[in-house]
Amino acid sequence: MIFIENNNLDPALNHAIELFVLDHYEEDVFMLWRNKPCILIGRYQNINAEVNLEFTEKNALDVVRRLSGGGAIYCDTENMQYTFITKQTSISNSFAKFASPVVKALKSLNLNAEFTGRNDILINGLKVSGNAQFHQNGKIVHHGTLLFKANTYNLSHALKVRDIKFKDKAVKSVASRIGFISDFVSMNVEEFKSYIEDFIKKEYGISKTTKLKDEDLKEIVKIKNEIFGKHEWNYGNGSLKKNGKAEKYPCGLVEISIEIEENKIKEITIEGDFFSELGVSSLCKALEGVECSLEAITKTIDNLDLEKYIKGMEKKAFIGDIMKLIEANSNGKKRIC
């Protein structure tokens, strides 16, 4: 494994760097990086439901959509992100695997850190890190945040609070769930970043540090302009119908809407903060044109590996949600479900 030094603060460029490294480096890679004030939104999320766009525009906060699933997060220069890019892992809980050295680093500072749930690192029960992944070309990109400190006003106002996300939770707001690492250590963010870098390097025996070349940066800027800097990419997912069904599962929030024509699924939209290995486009395409019957939909889903489309989603629950929408439609309550 090698360490790639990255001091850029542009969130769109930083995500382009990840994609470039994924495609051009044979070695496993570890990176630490920071962003100027921004919102990073999960690939499958509905931006209008998750982000206060009036606030982000007024306060000049960039909004960048990741290639990974998961939820929307606030970033600024007082916190940081880490990335591992490796060959595809066969470990069932790869989230815990990649979060493990970060948890060890926090514990080495005498912090009560633990990895819990599907993607969180907590200190004393407060969330200080969320993690996400995407898969491409036989490799996995695992990245997470380390919430050292942050502008709490921006954090509280830029992200929308959705009651369904706090289903079965004792706390009912983003701010009350999170913690700042700076409250537990006597360091500034630069010192903390250096500590994490040194610890992970020792943990993995990393002896090689490199920087991106000027010619690499030219291609990275091109990737940024073609993907992460495009309005269509970052703001495109706002299509969930008001009459859609949203449900919180252990795998995350899954929101479905369907349009029915002549007793067949004409169009289906699947959004949320879940994780996915293959994305949901081909899942939606497989369901389009399917007869609106339990038998036909079950047969279609049984022929797919649903786990690769929505990680952790149970087939029975997924089929049940679709059937509830179809039933509502057939009762004449909705034309678009």
C-alpha atoms as a PDB file:
ATOM      1  CA  MET A   1       0.000   0.000   0.000  1.00  0.00           C
ATOM      2  CA  ILE A   2       1.182   3.522  -0.780  1.00  0.00           C
ATOM      3  CA  PHE A   3       0.188   6.926   0.592  1.00  0.00           C
ATOM      4  CA  ILE A   4      -0.805   9.640  -1.892  1.00  0.00           C
ATOM      5  CA  GLU A   5      -0.452  13.144  -0.537  1.00  0.00           C
ATOM      6  CA  ASN A   6      -3.463  15.326  -1.355  1.00  0.00           C
ATOM      7  CA  ASN A   7      -3.731  18.914  -0.129  1.00  0.00           C
ATOM      8  CA  ASN A   8      -6.546  20.001  -2.456  1.00  0.00           C
ATOM      9  CA  LEU A   9      -9.653  21.502  -0.857  1.00  0.00           C
ATOM     10  CA  ASP A  10     -11.969  21.325  -3.894  1.00  0.00           C
ATOM     11  CA  PRO A  11     -14.528  18.540  -3.163  1.00  0.00           C
ATOM     12  CA  ALA A  12     -15.294  17.896  -6.846  1.00  0.00           C
ATOM     13  CA  LEU A  13     -11.573  17.620  -7.619  1.00  0.00           C
ATOM     14  CA  ASN A  14     -11.004  15.342  -4.626  1.00  0.00           C
ATOM     15  CA  HIS A  15     -13.606  12.894  -5.878  1.00  0.00           C
ATOM     16  CA  ALA A  16     -12.059  13.058  -9.334  1.00  0.00           C
ATOM     17  CA  ILE A  17      -8.705  12.174  -7.727  1.00  0.00           C
ATOM     18  CA  GLU A  18     -10.251   9.045  -6.213  1.00  0.00           C
ATOM     19  CA  LEU A  19     -11.563   7.961  -9.602  1.00  0.00           C
ATOM     20  CA  PHE A  20      -8.248   8.681 -11.310  1.00  0.00           C
ATOM     21  CA  VAL A  21      -6.293   6.714  -8.712  1.00  0.00           C
ATOM     22  CA  LEU A  22      -8.756   3.837  -8.989  1.00  0.00           C
ATOM     23  CA  ASP A  23      -8.150   3.596 -12.735  1.00  0.00           C
ATOM     24  CA  HIS A  24      -4.403   4.330 -12.894  1.00  0.00           C
ATOM     25  CA  TYR A  25      -2.708   2.847  -9.817  1.00  0.00           C
ATOM     26  CA  GLU A  26      -1.954  -0.849  -9.470  1.00  0.00           C
ATOM     27  CA  GLU A  27      -0.936  -0.539  -5.824  1.00  0.00           C
ATOM     28  CA  ASP A  28      -3.377  -0.355  -2.940  1.00  0.00           C
ATOM     29  CA  VAL A  29      -3.706   3.274  -1.867  1.00  0.00           C
ATOM     30  CA  PHE A  30      -4.407   5.276   1.286  1.00  0.00           C
ATOM     31  CA  MET A  31      -5.215   9.007   1.199  1.00  0.00           C
ATOM     32  CA  LEU A  32      -6.189  11.724   3.663  1.00  0.00           C
ATOM     33  CA  TRP A  33      -7.838  14.886   2.397  1.00  0.00           C
ATOM     34  CA  ARG A  34      -9.968  17.858   3.382  1.00  0.00           C
ATOM     35  CA  ASN A  35     -12.648  19.932   1.696  1.00  0.00           C
ATOM     36  CA  LYS A  36     -13.684  23.540   1.786  1.00  0.00           C
ATOM     37  CA  PRO A  37     -17.238  23.962   3.182  1.00  0.00           C
ATOM     38  CA  CYS A  38     -19.523  21.691   1.182  1.00  0.00           C
ATOM     39  CA  ILE A  39     -22.152  18.983   1.214  1.00  0.00           C
ATOM     40  CA  LEU A  40     -21.316  15.510  -0.091  1.00  0.00           C
ATOM     41  CA  ILE A  41     -24.466  13.640  -1.059  1.00  0.00           C
ATOM     42  CA  GLY A  42     -24.859   9.902  -1.573  1.00  0.00           C
ATOM     43  CA  ARG A  43     -25.183   8.615  -5.117  1.00  0.00           C
ATOM     44  CA  TYR A  44     -28.768   7.387  -4.772  1.00  0.00           C
ATOM     45  CA  GLN A  45     -30.211  10.208  -2.691  1.00  0.00           C
ATOM     46  CA  ASN A  46     -32.922  12.652  -3.685  1.00  0.00           C
ATOM     47  CA  ILE A  47     -31.157  15.983  -3.337  1.00  0.00           C
ATOM     48  CA  ASN A  48     -34.355  17.977  -2.807  1.00  0.00           C
ATOM     49  CA  ALA A  49     -35.300  15.765   0.133  1.00  0.00           C
ATOM     50  CA  GLU A  50     -31.857  15.779   1.770  1.00  0.00           C
ATOM     51  CA  VAL A  51     -30.257  19.185   1.198  1.00  0.00           C
ATOM     52  CA  ASN A  52     -31.438  22.697   2.009  1.00  0.00           C
ATOM     53  CA  LEU A  53     -30.544  24.051  -1.428  1.00  0.00           C
ATOM     54  CA  GLU A  54     -31.653  27.573  -0.581  1.00  0.00           C
ATOM     55  CA  PHE A  55     -29.154  27.607   2.298  1.00  0.00           C
ATOM     56  CA  THR A  56     -26.281  26.054   0.315  1.00  0.00           C
ATOM     57  CA  GLU A  57     -26.757  28.533  -2.518  1.00  0.00           C
ATOM     58  CA  LYS A  58     -27.011  31.536  -0.215  1.00  0.00           C
ATOM     59  CA  ASN A  59     -23.895  30.477   1.705  1.00  0.00           C
ATOM     60  CA  ALA A  60     -21.882  29.374  -1.347  1.00  0.00           C
ATOM     61  CA  LEU A  61     -21.580  25.754  -0.195  1.00  0.00           C
ATOM     62  CA  ASP A  62     -20.643  23.326  -2.956  1.00  0.00           C
ATOM     63  CA  VAL A  63     -22.853  20.264  -3.304  1.00  0.00           C
ATOM     64  CA  VAL A  64     -21.085  17.240  -4.783  1.00  0.00           C
ATOM     65  CA  ARG A  65     -22.603  13.821  -5.404  1.00  0.00           C
ATOM     66  CA  ARG A  66     -20.379  10.874  -4.563  1.00  0.00           C
ATOM     67  CA  LEU A  67     -20.047   7.662  -6.523  1.00  0.00           C
ATOM     68  CA  SER A  68     -20.776   5.806  -3.285  1.00  0.00           C
ATOM     69  CA  GLY A  69     -24.102   5.325  -1.562  1.00  0.00           C
ATOM     70  CA  GLY A  70     -24.895   6.397   1.971  1.00  0.00           C
ATOM     71  CA  GLY A  71     -26.163   9.674   3.324  1.00  0.00           C
ATOM     72  CA  ALA A  72     -25.411  13.355   2.904  1.00  0.00           C
ATOM     73  CA  ILE A  73     -22.658  14.863   5.066  1.00  0.00           C
ATOM     74  CA  TYR A  74     -21.293  18.318   5.760  1.00  0.00           C
ATOM     75  CA  CYS A  75     -17.536  18.913   5.360  1.00  0.00           C
ATOM     76  CA  ASP A  76     -15.184  21.820   5.930  1.00  0.00           C
ATOM     77  CA  THR A  77     -11.485  22.312   6.619  1.00  0.00           C
ATOM     78  CA  GLU A  78     -11.932  21.491  10.324  1.00  0.00           C
ATOM     79  CA  ASN A  79     -12.642  17.858   9.526  1.00  0.00           C
ATOM     80  CA  MET A  80     -11.168  15.399   7.056  1.00  0.00           C
ATOM     81  CA  GLN A  81     -11.825  12.432   4.822  1.00  0.00           C
ATOM     82  CA  TYR A  82      -9.841   9.242   4.386  1.00  0.00           C
ATOM     83  CA  THR A  83      -9.798   6.859   1.424  1.00  0.00           C
ATOM     84  CA  PHE A  84      -8.645   3.286   0.920  1.00  0.00           C
ATOM     85  CA  ILE A  85      -8.527   1.973  -2.645  1.00  0.00           C
ATOM     86  CA  THR A  86      -7.777  -1.721  -2.904  1.00  0.00           C
ATOM     87  CA  LYS A  87      -8.520  -4.770  -4.952  1.00  0.00           C
ATOM     88  CA  GLN A  88     -11.983  -6.206  -4.402  1.00  0.00           C
ATOM     89  CA  THR A  89     -12.296  -7.808  -0.984  1.00  0.00           C
ATOM     90  CA  SER A  90     -14.161 -11.041  -0.340  1.00  0.00           C
ATOM     91  CA  ILE A  91     -14.706 -10.160   3.321  1.00  0.00           C
ATOM     92  CA  SER A  92     -18.437  -9.978   4.021  1.00  0.00           C
ATOM     93  CA  ASN A  93     -18.176  -6.916   6.265  1.00  0.00           C
ATOM     94  CA  SER A  94     -15.620  -4.857   4.390  1.00  0.00           C
ATOM     95  CA  PHE A  95     -16.889  -1.698   6.094  1.00  0.00           C
ATOM     96  CA  ALA A  96     -15.622  -2.959   9.453  1.00  0.00           C
ATOM     97  CA  LYS A  97     -12.353  -4.076   7.833  1.00  0.00           C
ATOM     98  CA  PHE A  98     -11.500  -0.640   6.430  1.00  0.00           C
ATOM     99  CA  ALA A  99     -12.748   1.230   9.497  1.00  0.00           C
ATOM    100  CA  SER A 100     -10.664  -0.978  11.833  1.00  0.00           C
ATOM    101  CA  PRO A 101      -7.315   0.891  11.545  1.00  0.00           C
ATOM    102  CA  VAL A 102      -9.119   4.209  12.049  1.00  0.00           C
ATOM    103  CA  VAL A 103     -10.783   2.882  15.193  1.00  0.00           C
ATOM    104  CA  LYS A 104      -7.378   1.644  16.383  1.00  0.00           C
ATOM    105  CA  ALA A 105      -5.896   5.097  15.767  1.00  0.00           C
ATOM    106  CA  LEU A 106      -8.623   6.716  17.844  1.00  0.00           C
ATOM    107  CA  LYS A 107      -8.239   4.147  20.607  1.00  0.00           C
ATOM    108  CA  SER A 108      -4.494   4.838  20.682  1.00  0.00           C
ATOM    109  CA  LEU A 109      -5.471   8.346  21.812  1.00  0.00           C
ATOM    110  CA  ASN A 110      -7.342   6.773  24.728  1.00  0.00           C
ATOM    111  CA  LEU A 111     -10.701   7.423  23.090  1.00  0.00           C
ATOM    112  CA  ASN A 112     -13.663   5.105  23.571  1.00  0.00           C
ATOM    113  CA  ALA A 113     -14.044   4.443  19.836  1.00  0.00           C
ATOM    114  CA  GLU A 114     -16.011   1.649  18.173  1.00  0.00           C
ATOM    115  CA  PHE A 115     -17.342   0.706  14.765  1.00  0.00           C
ATOM    116  CA  THR A 116     -21.072   0.080  14.942  1.00  0.00           C
ATOM    117  CA  GLY A 117     -24.148  -0.338  12.802  1.00  0.00           C
ATOM    118  CA  ARG A 118     -23.660  -0.509   9.074  1.00  0.00           C
ATOM    119  CA  ASN A 119     -21.100   2.305   8.652  1.00  0.00           C
ATOM    120  CA  ASP A 120     -20.495   4.466  11.737  1.00  0.00           C
ATOM    121  CA  ILE A 121     -17.593   5.072  14.101  1.00  0.00           C
ATOM    122  CA  LEU A 122     -18.624   6.362  17.518  1.00  0.00           C
ATOM    123  CA  ILE A 123     -16.806   7.903  20.461  1.00  0.00           C
ATOM    124  CA  ASN A 124     -18.716   7.636  23.745  1.00  0.00           C
ATOM    125  CA  GLY A 125     -21.832   6.860  21.740  1.00  0.00           C
ATOM    126  CA  LEU A 126     -21.533   9.919  19.501  1.00  0.00           C
ATOM    127  CA  LYS A 127     -20.973   9.609  15.756  1.00  0.00           C
ATOM    128  CA  VAL A 128     -17.619  10.964  14.589  1.00  0.00           C
ATOM    129  CA  SER A 129     -17.337   9.097  11.298  1.00  0.00           C
ATOM    130  CA  GLY A 130     -19.571   7.787   8.546  1.00  0.00           C
ATOM    131  CA  ASN A 131     -18.239   5.456   5.857  1.00  0.00           C
ATOM    132  CA  ALA A 132     -19.236   4.618   2.295  1.00  0.00           C
ATOM    133  CA  GLN A 133     -18.009   2.463  -0.597  1.00  0.00           C
ATOM    134  CA  PHE A 134     -18.262   1.933  -4.310  1.00  0.00           C
ATOM    135  CA  HIS A 135     -16.998  -0.858  -6.545  1.00  0.00           C
ATOM    136  CA  GLN A 136     -15.521  -0.516 -10.016  1.00  0.00           C
ATOM    137  CA  ASN A 137     -13.183  -2.487 -12.282  1.00  0.00           C
ATOM    138  CA  GLY A 138     -12.514  -5.178  -9.694  1.00  0.00           C
ATOM    139  CA  LYS A 139     -11.568  -2.630  -7.038  1.00  0.00           C
ATOM    140  CA  ILE A 140     -13.222  -1.079  -4.028  1.00  0.00           C
ATOM    141  CA  VAL A 141     -13.087   2.543  -2.906  1.00  0.00           C
ATOM    142  CA  HIS A 142     -13.802   2.913   0.794  1.00  0.00           C
ATOM    143  CA  HIS A 143     -13.968   6.449   2.123  1.00  0.00           C
ATOM    144  CA  GLY A 144     -15.065   7.979   5.379  1.00  0.00           C
ATOM    145  CA  THR A 145     -15.148  11.223   7.271  1.00  0.00           C
ATOM    146  CA  LEU A 146     -13.407  12.108  10.529  1.00  0.00           C
ATOM    147  CA  LEU A 147     -15.417  14.807  12.243  1.00  0.00           C
ATOM    148  CA  PHE A 148     -12.678  16.601  14.150  1.00  0.00           C
ATOM    149  CA  LYS A 149     -14.671  19.814  14.322  1.00  0.00           C
ATOM    150  CA  ALA A 150     -17.103  21.691  12.077  1.00  0.00           C
ATOM    151  CA  ASN A 151     -19.145  24.829  11.595  1.00  0.00           C
ATOM    152  CA  THR A 152     -22.214  23.706  13.526  1.00  0.00           C
ATOM    153  CA  TYR A 153     -24.424  26.419  12.011  1.00  0.00           C
ATOM    154  CA  ASN A 154     -23.713  25.181   8.495  1.00  0.00           C
ATOM    155  CA  LEU A 155     -24.026  21.553   9.556  1.00  0.00           C
ATOM    156  CA  SER A 156     -27.421  22.121  11.179  1.00  0.00           C
ATOM    157  CA  HIS A 157     -28.907  24.241   8.402  1.00  0.00           C
ATOM    158  CA  ALA A 158     -27.516  22.731   5.194  1.00  0.00           C
ATOM    159  CA  LEU A 159     -28.931  19.238   5.778  1.00  0.00           C
ATOM    160  CA  LYS A 160     -32.652  18.620   5.989  1.00  0.00           C
ATOM    161  CA  VAL A 161     -34.005  16.685   8.940  1.00  0.00           C
ATOM    162  CA  ARG A 162     -36.283  13.816   7.928  1.00  0.00           C
ATOM    163  CA  ASP A 163     -38.191  12.187  10.761  1.00  0.00           C
ATOM    164  CA  ILE A 164     -38.156   8.757   9.100  1.00  0.00           C
ATOM    165  CA  LYS A 165     -34.358   8.630   9.421  1.00  0.00           C
ATOM    166  CA  PHE A 166     -34.654   8.762  13.208  1.00  0.00           C
ATOM    167  CA  LYS A 167     -37.163   5.938  13.383  1.00  0.00           C
ATOM    168  CA  ASP A 168     -36.422   3.796  16.455  1.00  0.00           C
ATOM    169  CA  LYS A 169     -33.663   6.209  17.583  1.00  0.00           C
ATOM    170  CA  ALA A 170     -33.637   7.924  20.954  1.00  0.00           C
ATOM    171  CA  VAL A 171     -32.370  11.197  19.464  1.00  0.00           C
ATOM    172  CA  LYS A 172     -34.237  13.059  16.756  1.00  0.00           C
ATOM    173  CA  SER A 173     -31.700  15.399  15.156  1.00  0.00           C
ATOM    174  CA  VAL A 174     -28.398  15.276  13.320  1.00  0.00           C
ATOM    175  CA  ALA A 175     -26.677  17.606  15.784  1.00  0.00           C
ATOM    176  CA  SER A 176     -27.634  15.552  18.836  1.00  0.00           C
ATOM    177  CA  ARG A 177     -26.164  12.357  17.348  1.00  0.00           C
ATOM    178  CA  ILE A 178     -22.728  13.653  16.381  1.00  0.00           C
ATOM    179  CA  GLY A 179     -19.592  14.369  18.357  1.00  0.00           C
ATOM    180  CA  PHE A 180     -16.418  16.293  17.631  1.00  0.00           C
ATOM    181  CA  ILE A 181     -13.085  14.556  18.080  1.00  0.00           C
ATOM    182  CA  SER A 182     -11.583  17.908  19.077  1.00  0.00           C
ATOM    183  CA  ASP A 183     -13.613  17.727  22.309  1.00  0.00           C
ATOM    184  CA  PHE A 184     -11.612  14.668  23.357  1.00  0.00           C
ATOM    185  CA  VAL A 185      -8.012  15.507  22.309  1.00  0.00           C
ATOM    186  CA  SER A 186      -5.534  18.364  22.756  1.00  0.00           C
ATOM    187  CA  MET A 187      -4.683  18.841  19.089  1.00  0.00           C
ATOM    188  CA  ASN A 188      -5.616  21.083  16.215  1.00  0.00           C
ATOM    189  CA  VAL A 189      -6.902  19.601  12.974  1.00  0.00           C
ATOM    190  CA  GLU A 190      -3.500  19.638  11.258  1.00  0.00           C
ATOM    191  CA  GLU A 191      -1.868  17.828  14.188  1.00  0.00           C
ATOM    192  CA  PHE A 192      -4.671  15.288  14.266  1.00  0.00           C
ATOM    193  CA  LYS A 193      -4.412  14.717  10.516  1.00  0.00           C
ATOM    194  CA  SER A 194      -0.663  14.091  10.840  1.00  0.00           C
ATOM    195  CA  TYR A 195      -1.264  11.685  13.719  1.00  0.00           C
ATOM    196  CA  ILE A 196      -3.795   9.647  11.728  1.00  0.00           C
ATOM    197  CA  GLU A 197      -1.484   9.609   8.706  1.00  0.00           C
ATOM    198  CA  ASP A 198       1.462   8.326  10.741  1.00  0.00           C
ATOM    199  CA  PHE A 199      -0.645   5.722  12.563  1.00  0.00           C
ATOM    200  CA  ILE A 200      -2.177   4.259   9.388  1.00  0.00           C
ATOM    201  CA  LYS A 201       1.214   4.188   7.672  1.00  0.00           C
ATOM    202  CA  LYS A 202       2.625   2.148  10.563  1.00  0.00           C
ATOM    203  CA  GLU A 203      -0.445  -0.073  10.698  1.00  0.00           C
ATOM    204  CA  TYR A 204      -0.091  -1.036   7.029  1.00  0.00           C
ATOM    205  CA  GLY A 205       3.688  -0.780   6.814  1.00  0.00           C
ATOM    206  CA  ILE A 206       3.439   2.006   4.252  1.00  0.00           C
ATOM    207  CA  SER A 207       6.909   3.246   3.308  1.00  0.00           C
ATOM    208  CA  LYS A 208       6.132   4.969   0.012  1.00  0.00           C
ATOM    209  CA  THR A 209       4.581   8.431  -0.203  1.00  0.00           C
ATOM    210  CA  THR A 210       3.867  10.016  -3.554  1.00  0.00           C
ATOM    211  CA  LYS A 211       2.256  13.103  -5.044  1.00  0.00           C
ATOM    212  CA  LEU A 212       0.126  13.405  -8.135  1.00  0.00           C
ATOM    213  CA  LYS A 213       2.040  14.659 -11.160  1.00  0.00           C
ATOM    214  CA  ASP A 214       1.109  17.748 -13.149  1.00  0.00           C
ATOM    215  CA  GLU A 215       0.073  15.614 -16.117  1.00  0.00           C
ATOM    216  CA  ASP A 216      -2.103  13.536 -13.765  1.00  0.00           C
ATOM    217  CA  LEU A 217      -3.799  16.664 -12.481  1.00  0.00           C
ATOM    218  CA  LYS A 218      -4.687  17.690 -16.031  1.00  0.00           C
ATOM    219  CA  GLU A 219      -6.589  14.437 -16.499  1.00  0.00           C
ATOM    220  CA  ILE A 220      -8.097  14.735 -13.023  1.00  0.00           C
ATOM    221  CA  VAL A 221      -9.439  18.195 -13.859  1.00  0.00           C
ATOM    222  CA  LYS A 222     -10.983  16.681 -16.985  1.00  0.00           C
ATOM    223  CA  ILE A 223     -12.695  14.010 -14.869  1.00  0.00           C
ATOM    224  CA  LYS A 224     -13.949  16.718 -12.527  1.00  0.00           C
ATOM    225  CA  ASN A 225     -15.386  18.743 -15.402  1.00  0.00           C
ATOM    226  CA  GLU A 226     -17.036  15.704 -16.976  1.00  0.00           C
ATOM    227  CA  ILE A 227     -18.555  14.280 -13.785  1.00  0.00           C
ATOM    228  CA  PHE A 228     -18.260  15.872 -10.344  1.00  0.00           C
ATOM    229  CA  GLY A 229     -18.314  19.465 -11.551  1.00  0.00           C
ATOM    230  CA  LYS A 230     -21.475  18.995 -13.607  1.00  0.00           C
ATOM    231  CA  HIS A 231     -24.776  20.346 -12.359  1.00  0.00           C
ATOM    232  CA  GLU A 232     -26.644  17.405 -13.907  1.00  0.00           C
ATOM    233  CA  TRP A 233     -24.601  14.882 -11.902  1.00  0.00           C
ATOM    234  CA  ASN A 234     -24.737  16.680  -8.579  1.00  0.00           C
ATOM    235  CA  TYR A 235     -28.345  17.881  -8.644  1.00  0.00           C
ATOM    236  CA  GLY A 236     -29.964  15.326 -10.946  1.00  0.00           C
ATOM    237  CA  ASN A 237     -31.672  13.028  -8.434  1.00  0.00           C
ATOM    238  CA  GLY A 238     -34.765  14.950  -7.434  1.00  0.00           C
ATOM    239  CA  SER A 239     -37.302  12.776  -9.153  1.00  0.00           C
ATOM    240  CA  LEU A 240     -39.000  10.894  -6.321  1.00  0.00           C
ATOM    241  CA  LYS A 241     -42.760  11.373  -6.593  1.00  0.00           C
ATOM    242  CA  LYS A 242     -44.543  12.879  -3.627  1.00  0.00           C
ATOM    243  CA  ASN A 243     -46.738   9.797  -3.519  1.00  0.00           C
ATOM    244  CA  GLY A 244     -43.801   7.400  -3.321  1.00  0.00           C
ATOM    245  CA  LYS A 245     -43.125   5.048  -0.433  1.00  0.00           C
ATOM    246  CA  ALA A 246     -40.190   5.644   1.910  1.00  0.00           C
ATOM    247  CA  GLU A 247     -39.210   3.074   4.526  1.00  0.00           C
ATOM    248  CA  LYS A 248     -36.283   2.863   6.934  1.00  0.00           C
ATOM    249  CA  TYR A 249     -34.597  -0.542   7.081  1.00  0.00           C
ATOM    250  CA  PRO A 250     -31.356  -1.751   8.713  1.00  0.00           C
ATOM    251  CA  CYS A 251     -29.799  -1.339   5.254  1.00  0.00           C
ATOM    252  CA  GLY A 252     -30.806   2.324   5.144  1.00  0.00           C
ATOM    253  CA  LEU A 253     -33.607   4.480   3.789  1.00  0.00           C
ATOM    254  CA  VAL A 254     -35.206   3.013   0.649  1.00  0.00           C
ATOM    255  CA  GLU A 255     -37.641   5.164  -1.322  1.00  0.00           C
ATOM    256  CA  ILE A 256     -39.648   3.720  -4.199  1.00  0.00           C
ATOM    257  CA  SER A 257     -42.073   5.254  -6.655  1.00  0.00           C
ATOM    258  CA  ILE A 258     -43.704   3.550  -9.609  1.00  0.00           C
ATOM    259  CA  GLU A 259     -45.805   4.547 -12.554  1.00  0.00           C
ATOM    260  CA  ILE A 260     -48.246   1.927 -13.798  1.00  0.00           C
ATOM    261  CA  GLU A 261     -49.717   1.606 -17.261  1.00  0.00           C
ATOM    262  CA  GLU A 262     -51.999  -1.199 -18.460  1.00  0.00           C
ATOM    263  CA  ASN A 263     -51.317  -3.226 -15.318  1.00  0.00           C
ATOM    264  CA  LYS A 264     -47.581  -3.184 -15.884  1.00  0.00           C
ATOM    265  CA  ILE A 265     -44.775  -1.194 -14.267  1.00  0.00           C
ATOM    266  CA  LYS A 266     -44.053   1.562 -16.751  1.00  0.00           C
ATOM    267  CA  GLU A 267     -41.342   3.230 -14.681  1.00  0.00           C
ATOM    268  CA  ILE A 268     -39.803   2.709 -11.256  1.00  0.00           C
ATOM    269  CA  THR A 269     -37.509   4.974  -9.231  1.00  0.00           C
ATOM    270  CA  ILE A 270     -35.421   3.722  -6.304  1.00  0.00           C
ATOM    271  CA  GLU A 271     -33.603   6.253  -4.127  1.00  0.00           C
ATOM    272  CA  GLY A 272     -32.194   6.421  -0.624  1.00  0.00           C
ATOM    273  CA  ASP A 273     -29.069   6.279   1.526  1.00  0.00           C
ATOM    274  CA  PHE A 274     -28.456   2.552   1.047  1.00  0.00           C
ATOM    275  CA  PHE A 275     -25.256   1.052  -0.364  1.00  0.00           C
ATOM    276  CA  SER A 276     -25.010  -0.739  -3.682  1.00  0.00           C
ATOM    277  CA  GLU A 277     -22.344  -2.663  -5.538  1.00  0.00           C
ATOM    278  CA  LEU A 278     -23.972  -2.586  -8.986  1.00  0.00           C
ATOM    279  CA  GLY A 279     -26.149   0.517  -8.723  1.00  0.00           C
ATOM    280  CA  VAL A 280     -29.929   0.499  -9.123  1.00  0.00           C
ATOM    281  CA  SER A 281     -30.356   1.425 -12.798  1.00  0.00           C
ATOM    282  CA  SER A 282     -30.324  -2.177 -14.020  1.00  0.00           C
ATOM    283  CA  LEU A 283     -32.620  -3.220 -11.148  1.00  0.00           C
ATOM    284  CA  CYS A 284     -35.161  -0.590 -12.210  1.00  0.00           C
ATOM    285  CA  LYS A 285     -34.820  -1.622 -15.840  1.00  0.00           C
ATOM    286  CA  ALA A 286     -35.445  -5.271 -14.945  1.00  0.00           C
ATOM    287  CA  LEU A 287     -38.719  -4.319 -13.250  1.00  0.00           C
ATOM    288  CA  GLU A 288     -40.001  -2.091 -16.035  1.00  0.00           C
ATOM    289  CA  GLY A 289     -42.626  -3.852 -18.121  1.00  0.00           C
ATOM    290  CA  VAL A 290     -43.279  -6.482 -15.441  1.00  0.00           C
ATOM    291  CA  GLU A 291     -46.915  -7.344 -14.747  1.00  0.00           C
ATOM    292  CA  CYS A 292     -48.278  -5.885 -11.516  1.00  0.00           C
ATOM    293  CA  SER A 293     -48.759  -9.206  -9.781  1.00  0.00           C
ATOM    294  CA  LEU A 294     -47.014 -10.753  -6.804  1.00  0.00           C
ATOM    295  CA  GLU A 295     -46.061 -13.780  -8.884  1.00  0.00           C
ATOM    296  CA  ALA A 296     -44.479 -11.770 -11.717  1.00  0.00           C
ATOM    297  CA  ILE A 297     -42.594  -9.384  -9.450  1.00  0.00           C
ATOM    298  CA  THR A 298     -41.366 -12.187  -7.188  1.00  0.00           C
ATOM    299  CA  LYS A 299     -40.120 -14.132 -10.208  1.00  0.00           C
ATOM    300  CA  THR A 300     -38.239 -11.077 -11.488  1.00  0.00           C
ATOM    301  CA  ILE A 301     -36.598 -10.385  -8.120  1.00  0.00           C
ATOM    302  CA  ASP A 302     -35.755 -14.064  -7.572  1.00  0.00           C
ATOM    303  CA  ASN A 303     -33.763 -13.993 -10.806  1.00  0.00           C
ATOM    304  CA  LEU A 304     -31.619 -11.132  -9.479  1.00  0.00           C
ATOM    305  CA  ASP A 305     -29.073 -10.914  -6.690  1.00  0.00           C
ATOM    306  CA  LEU A 306     -30.856  -8.136  -4.791  1.00  0.00           C
ATOM    307  CA  GLU A 307     -27.947  -7.895  -2.315  1.00  0.00           C
ATOM    308  CA  LYS A 308     -25.729  -6.493  -5.057  1.00  0.00           C
ATOM    309  CA  TYR A 309     -28.261  -3.766  -5.884  1.00  0.00           C
ATOM    310  CA  ILE A 310     -29.358  -2.774  -2.363  1.00  0.00           C
ATOM    311  CA  LYS A 311     -26.911  -4.109   0.210  1.00  0.00           C
ATOM    312  CA  GLY A 312     -28.716  -5.741   3.115  1.00  0.00           C
ATOM    313  CA  MET A 313     -32.223  -5.431   1.642  1.00  0.00           C
ATOM    314  CA  GLU A 314     -34.506  -8.421   2.245  1.00  0.00           C
ATOM    315  CA  LYS A 315     -36.364  -9.637  -0.836  1.00  0.00           C
ATOM    316  CA  LYS A 316     -39.625 -10.098   1.024  1.00  0.00           C
ATOM    317  CA  ALA A 317     -39.624  -6.509   2.301  1.00  0.00           C
ATOM    318  CA  PHE A 318     -38.647  -5.076  -1.086  1.00  0.00           C
ATOM    319  CA  ILE A 319     -41.366  -6.997  -2.914  1.00  0.00           C
ATOM    320  CA  GLY A 320     -43.843  -6.047  -0.194  1.00  0.00           C
ATOM    321  CA  ASP A 321     -43.158  -2.337  -0.675  1.00  0.00           C
ATOM    322  CA  ILE A 322     -43.736  -2.604  -4.422  1.00  0.00           C
ATOM    323  CA  MET A 323     -46.963  -4.535  -3.913  1.00  0.00           C
ATOM    324  CA  LYS A 324     -48.254  -1.916  -1.455  1.00  0.00           C
ATOM    325  CA  LEU A 325     -47.745   0.762  -4.095  1.00  0.00           C
ATOM    326  CA  ILE A 326     -49.485  -1.347  -6.711  1.00  0.00           C
ATOM    327  CA  GLU A 327     -52.388  -2.000  -4.340  1.00  0.00           C
ATOM    328  CA  ALA A 328     -52.745   1.706  -3.627  1.00  0.00           C
ATOM    329  CA  ASN A 329     -52.818   2.344  -7.348  1.00  0.00           C
ATOM    330  CA  SER A 330     -55.391  -0.342  -8.046  1.00  0.00           C
ATOM    331  CA  ASN A 331     -57.648   1.102  -5.330  1.00  0.00           C
ATOM    332  CA  GLY A 332     -57.716   4.317  -7.288  1.00  0.00           C
ATOM    333  CA  LYS A 333     -55.875   6.299  -4.638  1.00  0.00           C
ATOM    334  CA  LYS A 334     -53.005   7.251  -6.917  1.00  0.00           C
ATOM    335  CA  ARG A 335     -52.131   7.133 -10.572  1.00  0.00           C
ATOM    336  CA  ILE A 336     -48.425   7.513  -9.894  1.00  0.00           C
ATOM    337  CA  CYS A 337     -47.510   5.581  -6.766  1.00  0.00           C
END
